[in-house]
């Protein structure tokens, strides 16, 4: 069953056909420049956490094992490789790909299978190994997700896309770059307290604001990292949940959205239309509103992307996201804690793993299990994951609910 603007008017009888589904376990590798590990080994590192919770291979019905870009490793049919490495070669498996939303697209696909009754228990794992090539080659590979005829040949990379957004936003709302730098300072504050982070170090506002230009007005500390890593979750149908945990995280709402391929075809550069639609669909399915969220993991591939996310989701009115930043309402003890694991900026952005890393973080926060309690958010009942691919061509938003 697909939920979204096109079919919200489903009858109650149709809605009742879908089983409730919960996240029952999660695993996460160390993120970083992992020259010490292959794609197989990164996947094993994430799965080990799940195995150690007692969810062994025989309890898993099927898997979705995904990565976003095969160019980085040259490996085709990677789901078979990963399944073999996890001892799951005899379980049905597939790969899902949708750029940076590969992780949540995989979770959305698995949710549909379990909700429909095709399987009861599924492993969803995302992995990316990006640092076996130079940063310039990595940027080239990622840019190939743009229009290969009209954008890529003319030097339009993802830093350029988001620099255009930042320029327009700063012009329309008279936003100084220092406010974007404050987002980076926050991300590194929490990344320094997350042992799984790629770049676990704090930065000062001066350091963030005055760092090397990448694509003006964005500089080094406005940009996320090229990261190796893996993250995974196990989901289960309602009647199987208690076999695995007394602390399930229910998938309460899901929304998917999309935007025009080329940003010049959009009405505005200060919003991602697919993200607004996805968030609205997720809230409608959950029967909740932005004000009900106790935390959020948003897709901060660039600092301006986090600012725009506040507004697209509904945490702030257009042009008012800066107030959340300046008043520190996005910190762990603020009105709406955002990316208190370091986000893509400090924790890292291994493309296929990112959405599942967000999901893992919400699960750990709900359970009160942040590794460093100085970044633990109090009493998380509802959490939101906002995952964007390309410059908004793919968007998934999940609303999760604590189940105990």
Protein backbone atom coordinates (compact mmCIF):
# COMPACT_ATOMS: atom_id res chain seq x y z
CA UNK A 1 0.00 0.00 0.00
CA UNK A 2 1.41 3.40 -0.98
CA UNK A 3 0.52 6.48 1.03
CA UNK A 4 0.77 9.90 -0.50
CA UNK A 5 -1.17 12.84 -1.93
CA UNK A 6 -2.61 10.77 -4.77
CA UNK A 7 -4.45 8.25 -2.62
CA UNK A 8 -5.05 9.57 0.87
CA UNK A 9 -8.77 9.01 0.43
CA UNK A 10 -8.46 5.26 0.91
CA UNK A 11 -11.36 3.53 2.60
CA UNK A 12 -11.00 2.27 6.15
CA UNK A 13 -11.45 -1.26 4.85
CA UNK A 14 -8.37 -0.90 2.62
CA UNK A 15 -6.32 0.66 5.41
CA UNK A 16 -7.17 -2.25 7.68
CA UNK A 17 -5.51 -4.66 5.26
CA UNK A 18 -2.08 -3.28 6.16
CA UNK A 19 -0.36 -4.78 9.20
CA UNK A 20 1.43 -2.54 11.65
CA UNK A 21 5.21 -2.72 11.32
CA UNK A 22 7.94 -1.84 13.83
CA UNK A 23 11.68 -1.40 13.85
CA UNK A 24 12.90 -3.96 16.39
CA UNK A 25 16.70 -3.68 16.15
CA UNK A 26 19.46 -1.67 14.52
CA UNK A 27 23.16 -1.76 13.78
CA UNK A 28 25.72 0.80 12.67
CA UNK A 29 29.35 0.68 11.59
CA UNK A 30 31.91 3.33 12.37
CA UNK A 31 31.70 5.99 9.67
CA UNK A 32 34.81 7.52 8.13
CA UNK A 33 37.54 6.90 5.60
CA UNK A 34 37.45 3.16 6.16
CA UNK A 35 40.48 1.96 4.22
CA UNK A 36 40.57 -0.92 6.70
CA UNK A 37 37.27 -2.43 5.52
CA UNK A 38 35.60 -3.60 2.32
CA UNK A 39 31.90 -3.23 1.52
CA UNK A 40 31.47 -6.78 2.87
CA UNK A 41 33.19 -5.95 6.14
CA UNK A 42 31.32 -2.68 6.66
CA UNK A 43 28.06 -4.60 6.24
CA UNK A 44 29.21 -7.26 8.69
CA UNK A 45 30.14 -4.57 11.22
CA UNK A 46 26.60 -3.13 11.13
CA UNK A 47 24.90 -6.54 11.16
CA UNK A 48 26.91 -7.71 14.17
CA UNK A 49 24.95 -5.38 16.46
CA UNK A 50 21.73 -7.01 15.29
CA UNK A 51 23.13 -10.53 15.59
CA UNK A 52 24.31 -9.78 19.11
CA UNK A 53 20.73 -8.85 20.05
CA UNK A 54 19.75 -12.42 19.19
CA UNK A 55 18.32 -11.81 15.73
CA UNK A 56 20.15 -14.55 13.88
CA UNK A 57 19.96 -15.36 10.19
CA UNK A 58 17.30 -18.04 10.63
CA UNK A 59 14.86 -15.45 12.04
CA UNK A 60 15.07 -13.22 8.96
CA UNK A 61 12.66 -13.96 6.09
CA UNK A 62 14.12 -11.66 3.43
CA UNK A 63 16.50 -8.75 2.98
CA UNK A 64 16.96 -5.51 1.11
CA UNK A 65 20.69 -4.81 0.83
CA UNK A 66 21.42 -1.57 -0.95
CA UNK A 67 24.04 0.92 -2.04
CA UNK A 68 23.58 4.01 -4.18
CA UNK A 69 26.48 4.02 -6.64
CA UNK A 70 28.27 0.98 -8.02
CA UNK A 71 30.89 3.25 -9.66
CA UNK A 72 32.76 3.56 -6.35
CA UNK A 73 33.59 -0.14 -6.12
CA UNK A 74 32.89 -1.44 -9.61
CA UNK A 75 30.78 -4.14 -7.95
CA UNK A 76 27.60 -5.22 -9.69
CA UNK A 77 24.91 -7.38 -8.08
CA UNK A 78 26.09 -6.13 -4.70
CA UNK A 79 23.08 -7.43 -2.79
CA UNK A 80 24.23 -10.99 -3.52
CA UNK A 81 27.75 -10.16 -2.34
CA UNK A 82 26.45 -8.64 0.91
CA UNK A 83 23.97 -11.47 1.49
CA UNK A 84 26.81 -13.98 1.16
CA UNK A 85 28.96 -12.04 3.60
CA UNK A 86 26.17 -12.03 6.21
CA UNK A 87 25.29 -15.70 5.91
CA UNK A 88 22.00 -14.83 4.21
CA UNK A 89 22.71 -16.26 0.75
CA UNK A 90 19.62 -18.49 0.93
CA UNK A 91 17.21 -15.66 1.77
CA UNK A 92 15.37 -13.62 -0.89
CA UNK A 93 17.20 -10.35 -1.39
CA UNK A 94 17.25 -7.33 -3.66
CA UNK A 95 18.90 -3.98 -4.09
CA UNK A 96 17.00 -0.67 -4.12
CA UNK A 97 18.60 2.50 -5.51
CA UNK A 98 17.40 6.10 -5.37
CA UNK A 99 20.51 8.26 -4.90
CA UNK A 100 20.93 9.57 -1.34
CA UNK A 101 17.48 8.25 -0.34
CA UNK A 102 18.52 4.67 -1.06
CA UNK A 103 18.38 3.78 2.65
CA UNK A 104 14.86 5.06 3.29
CA UNK A 105 13.66 3.85 -0.11
CA UNK A 106 14.83 0.39 0.96
CA UNK A 107 13.01 0.77 4.28
CA UNK A 108 9.85 1.97 2.53
CA UNK A 109 9.98 -1.02 0.19
CA UNK A 110 10.50 -3.46 3.06
CA UNK A 111 7.71 -1.85 5.07
CA UNK A 112 5.33 -2.41 2.15
CA UNK A 113 6.27 -6.09 1.91
CA UNK A 114 5.80 -6.72 5.63
CA UNK A 115 2.63 -4.61 5.89
CA UNK A 116 1.15 -6.57 2.98
CA UNK A 117 2.01 -9.94 4.56
CA UNK A 118 4.60 -11.08 2.04
CA UNK A 119 7.20 -11.45 4.83
CA UNK A 120 7.12 -11.14 8.62
CA UNK A 121 10.70 -10.14 9.42
CA UNK A 122 13.11 -8.30 7.13
CA UNK A 123 16.66 -6.99 7.37
CA UNK A 124 17.24 -3.65 5.64
CA UNK A 125 20.89 -2.67 5.21
CA UNK A 126 22.56 0.20 3.39
CA UNK A 127 26.27 0.54 2.72
CA UNK A 128 28.60 2.73 0.71
CA UNK A 129 32.35 2.65 0.15
CA UNK A 130 33.31 6.00 -1.36
CA UNK A 131 36.93 6.62 -0.42
CA UNK A 132 38.72 4.18 -2.71
CA UNK A 133 38.74 7.01 -5.26
CA UNK A 134 39.88 10.64 -4.99
CA UNK A 135 37.46 13.32 -3.80
CA UNK A 136 37.35 14.81 -7.31
CA UNK A 137 36.41 11.45 -8.82
CA UNK A 138 33.85 10.88 -6.05
CA UNK A 139 32.29 14.26 -6.82
CA UNK A 140 32.18 13.30 -10.51
CA UNK A 141 30.43 10.02 -9.72
CA UNK A 142 27.85 11.75 -7.54
CA UNK A 143 27.30 14.45 -10.17
CA UNK A 144 26.33 11.74 -12.65
CA UNK A 145 23.03 11.57 -10.76
CA UNK A 146 22.23 14.90 -12.41
CA UNK A 147 21.11 15.35 -16.00
CA UNK A 148 23.94 13.85 -18.04
CA UNK A 149 23.07 15.90 -21.14
CA UNK A 150 22.23 19.35 -19.83
CA UNK A 151 23.89 19.65 -16.41
CA UNK A 152 26.85 17.37 -15.82
CA UNK A 153 28.80 18.34 -19.01
CA UNK A 154 28.63 22.01 -17.99
CA UNK A 155 30.07 21.51 -14.53
CA UNK A 156 26.87 21.46 -12.50
CA UNK A 157 27.75 19.44 -9.40
CA UNK A 158 25.73 19.02 -6.22
CA UNK A 159 27.72 21.73 -4.40
CA UNK A 160 26.72 24.00 -7.31
CA UNK A 161 23.03 23.06 -7.00
CA UNK A 162 22.97 23.88 -3.31
CA UNK A 163 25.10 26.99 -3.77
CA UNK A 164 22.39 28.30 -6.10
CA UNK A 165 19.78 27.53 -3.45
CA UNK A 166 21.88 29.22 -0.77
CA UNK A 167 22.43 32.33 -2.89
CA UNK A 168 18.73 32.72 -3.57
CA UNK A 169 17.71 32.02 0.03
CA UNK A 170 20.27 34.47 1.41
CA UNK A 171 19.01 37.11 -1.03
CA UNK A 172 15.28 36.59 -0.42
CA UNK A 173 15.49 36.42 3.36
CA UNK A 174 18.54 38.61 4.00
CA UNK A 175 20.35 35.70 5.64
CA UNK A 176 24.02 36.19 6.56
CA UNK A 177 26.35 33.26 5.99
CA UNK A 178 27.19 33.22 9.70
CA UNK A 179 23.78 31.65 10.41
CA UNK A 180 24.60 28.74 8.10
CA UNK A 181 27.93 28.42 9.92
CA UNK A 182 26.01 28.14 13.20
CA UNK A 183 24.36 25.01 11.82
CA UNK A 184 27.78 23.51 11.13
CA UNK A 185 28.95 24.40 14.65
CA UNK A 186 25.93 22.57 16.07
CA UNK A 187 26.53 19.52 13.88
CA UNK A 188 30.16 19.24 14.94
CA UNK A 189 29.25 19.80 18.59
CA UNK A 190 27.21 16.61 18.50
CA UNK A 191 29.42 14.73 16.06
CA UNK A 192 32.27 15.14 18.54
CA UNK A 193 30.10 13.22 21.02
CA UNK A 194 29.24 10.37 18.66
CA UNK A 195 31.89 7.61 18.51
CA UNK A 196 30.56 6.50 15.12
CA UNK A 197 31.20 9.90 13.49
CA UNK A 198 33.44 10.38 10.48
CA UNK A 199 34.73 13.75 11.72
CA UNK A 200 34.25 13.82 15.52
CA UNK A 201 35.63 17.26 16.26
CA UNK A 202 34.14 20.57 17.31
CA UNK A 203 34.59 23.72 15.23
CA UNK A 204 34.27 27.36 16.20
CA UNK A 205 31.96 29.79 14.46
CA UNK A 206 34.96 31.68 13.12
CA UNK A 207 36.52 28.47 11.78
CA UNK A 208 33.29 27.40 10.09
CA UNK A 209 32.57 30.81 8.59
CA UNK A 210 36.09 31.44 7.27
CA UNK A 211 36.96 28.01 5.89
CA UNK A 212 38.01 27.32 2.30
CA UNK A 213 35.39 28.20 -0.36
CA UNK A 214 33.93 25.20 -2.20
CA UNK A 215 31.23 26.82 -4.33
CA UNK A 216 30.29 30.29 -3.18
CA UNK A 217 28.59 31.09 -0.91
CA UNK A 218 29.22 27.58 0.48
CA UNK A 219 32.57 26.74 2.04
CA UNK A 220 34.19 23.62 3.43
CA UNK A 221 32.16 23.48 6.64
CA UNK A 222 28.89 23.93 4.76
CA UNK A 223 29.41 20.60 2.97
CA UNK A 224 28.87 17.02 4.10
CA UNK A 225 31.54 14.35 3.96
CA UNK A 226 32.51 11.62 1.50
CA UNK A 227 32.11 8.67 3.80
CA UNK A 228 32.42 4.89 4.02
CA UNK A 229 29.98 3.09 6.28
CA UNK A 230 26.95 0.88 6.78
CA UNK A 231 23.74 0.98 8.81
CA UNK A 232 20.94 -1.55 9.19
CA UNK A 233 17.59 -2.15 10.86
CA UNK A 234 15.30 -5.13 11.29
CA UNK A 235 11.57 -4.63 10.91
CA UNK A 236 8.83 -7.03 11.98
CA UNK A 237 5.07 -7.43 11.69
CA UNK A 238 3.06 -6.59 14.80
CA UNK A 239 2.36 -10.19 15.79
CA UNK A 240 6.09 -11.01 15.73
CA UNK A 241 7.47 -7.93 17.48
CA UNK A 242 7.51 -9.33 21.03
CA UNK A 243 9.80 -12.16 19.91
CA UNK A 244 12.55 -9.59 19.44
CA UNK A 245 12.08 -6.65 21.80
CA UNK A 246 9.98 -4.95 24.46
CA UNK A 247 11.04 -1.60 22.98
CA UNK A 248 9.76 -1.46 19.39
CA UNK A 249 9.71 1.70 17.29
CA UNK A 250 6.54 1.75 15.21
CA UNK A 251 6.54 3.07 11.66
CA UNK A 252 3.70 5.52 12.14
CA UNK A 253 3.78 7.55 8.93
CA UNK A 254 5.52 7.46 5.54
CA UNK A 255 5.58 10.05 2.80
CA UNK A 256 7.39 10.06 -0.51
CA UNK A 257 7.88 13.01 -2.80
CA UNK A 258 9.69 14.10 -5.94
CA UNK A 259 10.75 17.33 -7.63
CA UNK A 260 11.67 18.39 -11.16
CA UNK A 261 14.97 16.94 -12.35
CA UNK A 262 16.50 20.32 -13.21
CA UNK A 263 16.14 23.06 -10.65
CA UNK A 264 15.53 25.73 -13.29
CA UNK A 265 12.17 24.00 -13.86
CA UNK A 266 11.09 24.67 -10.26
CA UNK A 267 9.04 27.62 -9.07
CA UNK A 268 11.40 28.37 -6.20
CA UNK A 269 14.99 27.74 -5.16
CA UNK A 270 14.26 28.32 -1.47
CA UNK A 271 12.25 25.14 -0.95
CA UNK A 272 12.24 21.53 -2.12
CA UNK A 273 8.66 20.85 -3.26
CA UNK A 274 8.96 17.08 -3.01
CA UNK A 275 10.05 17.40 0.61
CA UNK A 276 7.00 19.48 1.51
CA UNK A 277 4.70 16.91 -0.09
CA UNK A 278 6.49 13.98 1.54
CA UNK A 279 6.35 15.56 4.99
CA UNK A 280 2.66 16.38 4.64
CA UNK A 281 1.87 12.82 3.52
CA UNK A 282 3.83 11.33 6.44
CA UNK A 283 2.08 13.55 8.97
CA UNK A 284 -1.33 12.77 7.46
CA UNK A 285 -0.69 9.03 7.63
CA UNK A 286 0.52 9.33 11.23
CA UNK A 287 -2.31 11.63 12.29
CA UNK A 288 0.26 14.04 13.71
CA UNK A 289 1.70 17.49 13.04
CA UNK A 290 5.23 18.98 13.06
CA UNK A 291 4.67 20.32 16.59
CA UNK A 292 4.25 16.74 17.85
CA UNK A 293 7.81 15.72 16.93
CA UNK A 294 10.32 15.35 19.76
CA UNK A 295 13.35 15.08 17.45
CA UNK A 296 14.26 15.06 13.78
CA UNK A 297 17.00 13.68 11.59
CA UNK A 298 17.16 15.82 8.46
CA UNK A 299 19.19 15.60 5.27
CA UNK A 300 21.91 18.19 5.87
CA UNK A 301 24.05 17.40 2.83
CA UNK A 302 24.79 21.13 2.93
CA UNK A 303 24.07 23.66 5.66
CA UNK A 304 21.47 25.38 3.49
CA UNK A 305 19.72 22.02 3.03
CA UNK A 306 19.19 21.78 6.79
CA UNK A 307 17.83 25.33 6.93
CA UNK A 308 15.39 24.61 4.10
CA UNK A 309 14.39 21.31 5.75
CA UNK A 310 13.17 23.11 8.89
CA UNK A 311 10.75 25.05 6.72
CA UNK A 312 9.72 22.30 4.29
CA UNK A 313 8.83 19.98 7.17
CA UNK A 314 6.87 22.69 8.98
CA UNK A 315 9.05 23.41 11.99
CA UNK A 316 9.32 27.04 10.84
CA UNK A 317 7.64 29.39 8.39
CA UNK A 318 9.50 30.25 5.16
CA UNK A 319 12.44 32.49 5.96
CA UNK A 320 12.07 31.90 9.71
CA UNK A 321 14.26 28.82 10.09
CA UNK A 322 17.11 31.06 11.25
CA UNK A 323 15.21 31.69 14.50
CA UNK A 324 15.54 28.01 15.42
CA UNK A 325 19.27 28.25 14.79
CA UNK A 326 19.92 31.54 16.53
CA UNK A 327 17.88 30.52 19.60
CA UNK A 328 19.50 27.06 19.73
CA UNK A 329 16.10 25.39 19.51
CA UNK A 330 17.70 22.66 17.37
CA UNK A 331 20.01 21.52 20.19
CA UNK A 332 19.21 18.42 22.26
CA UNK A 333 17.44 20.46 24.94
CA UNK A 334 15.66 22.79 22.49
CA UNK A 335 12.18 22.95 21.00
CA UNK A 336 12.98 20.55 18.14
CA UNK A 337 16.35 18.76 18.42
CA UNK A 338 17.80 18.21 14.95
CA UNK A 339 20.70 15.91 13.99
CA UNK A 340 22.02 15.45 17.51
CA UNK A 341 24.26 12.68 16.18
CA UNK A 342 26.29 15.09 14.03
CA UNK A 343 24.20 14.71 10.89
CA UNK A 344 25.65 14.23 7.44
CA UNK A 345 28.03 17.10 8.14
CA UNK A 346 29.99 15.53 11.02
CA UNK A 347 28.75 11.95 11.35
CA UNK A 348 29.10 11.47 7.60
CA UNK A 349 27.18 10.66 4.44
CA UNK A 350 27.74 7.16 3.00
CA UNK A 351 24.98 7.53 0.43
CA UNK A 352 23.19 4.19 0.69
CA UNK A 353 23.49 4.03 4.47
CA UNK A 354 22.40 7.56 5.36
CA UNK A 355 18.63 7.06 5.68
CA UNK A 356 19.09 3.93 7.77
CA UNK A 357 21.63 5.73 9.95
CA UNK A 358 18.92 8.33 10.64
CA UNK A 359 16.49 5.55 11.56
CA UNK A 360 19.05 3.90 13.84
CA UNK A 361 19.68 7.20 15.65
CA UNK A 362 15.98 7.75 16.34
CA UNK A 363 15.68 4.20 17.70
CA UNK A 364 18.67 4.72 20.02
CA UNK A 365 17.35 8.08 21.22
CA UNK A 366 13.91 6.62 21.96
CA UNK A 367 15.58 3.90 24.00
CA UNK A 368 17.76 6.41 25.87
CA UNK A 369 20.88 4.78 24.46
CA UNK A 370 22.88 7.67 23.00
CA UNK A 371 26.50 6.61 23.55
CA UNK A 372 27.29 9.98 25.11
CA UNK A 373 24.46 11.02 27.41
CA UNK A 374 25.36 14.69 26.89
CA UNK A 375 23.57 14.40 23.54
CA UNK A 376 20.65 12.29 24.79
CA UNK A 377 17.25 13.85 24.06
CA UNK A 378 14.73 13.53 26.88
CA UNK A 379 11.58 11.43 26.49
CA UNK A 380 11.35 10.94 22.73
CA UNK A 381 7.86 9.75 21.84
CA UNK A 382 7.86 10.73 18.17
CA UNK A 383 10.80 11.13 15.81
CA UNK A 384 11.07 12.14 12.16
CA UNK A 385 13.54 11.15 9.44
CA UNK A 386 13.82 13.40 6.36
CA UNK A 387 15.97 11.95 3.58
CA UNK A 388 16.60 13.78 0.28
CA UNK A 389 18.17 12.45 -2.91
CA UNK A 390 19.97 14.61 -5.47
CA UNK A 391 18.64 18.14 -5.03
CA UNK A 392 15.15 16.91 -4.17
CA UNK A 393 14.33 14.57 -7.04
CA UNK A 394 13.77 11.85 -4.43
CA UNK A 395 12.43 12.46 -0.91
CA UNK A 396 11.29 10.13 1.85
CA UNK A 397 9.93 11.22 5.22
CA UNK A 398 9.21 8.78 8.05
CA UNK A 399 7.43 9.41 11.35
CA UNK A 400 8.30 6.92 14.09
CA UNK A 401 6.52 6.28 17.40
CA UNK A 402 7.91 4.83 20.62
CA UNK A 403 6.10 1.57 21.33
CA UNK A 404 6.42 1.22 25.10
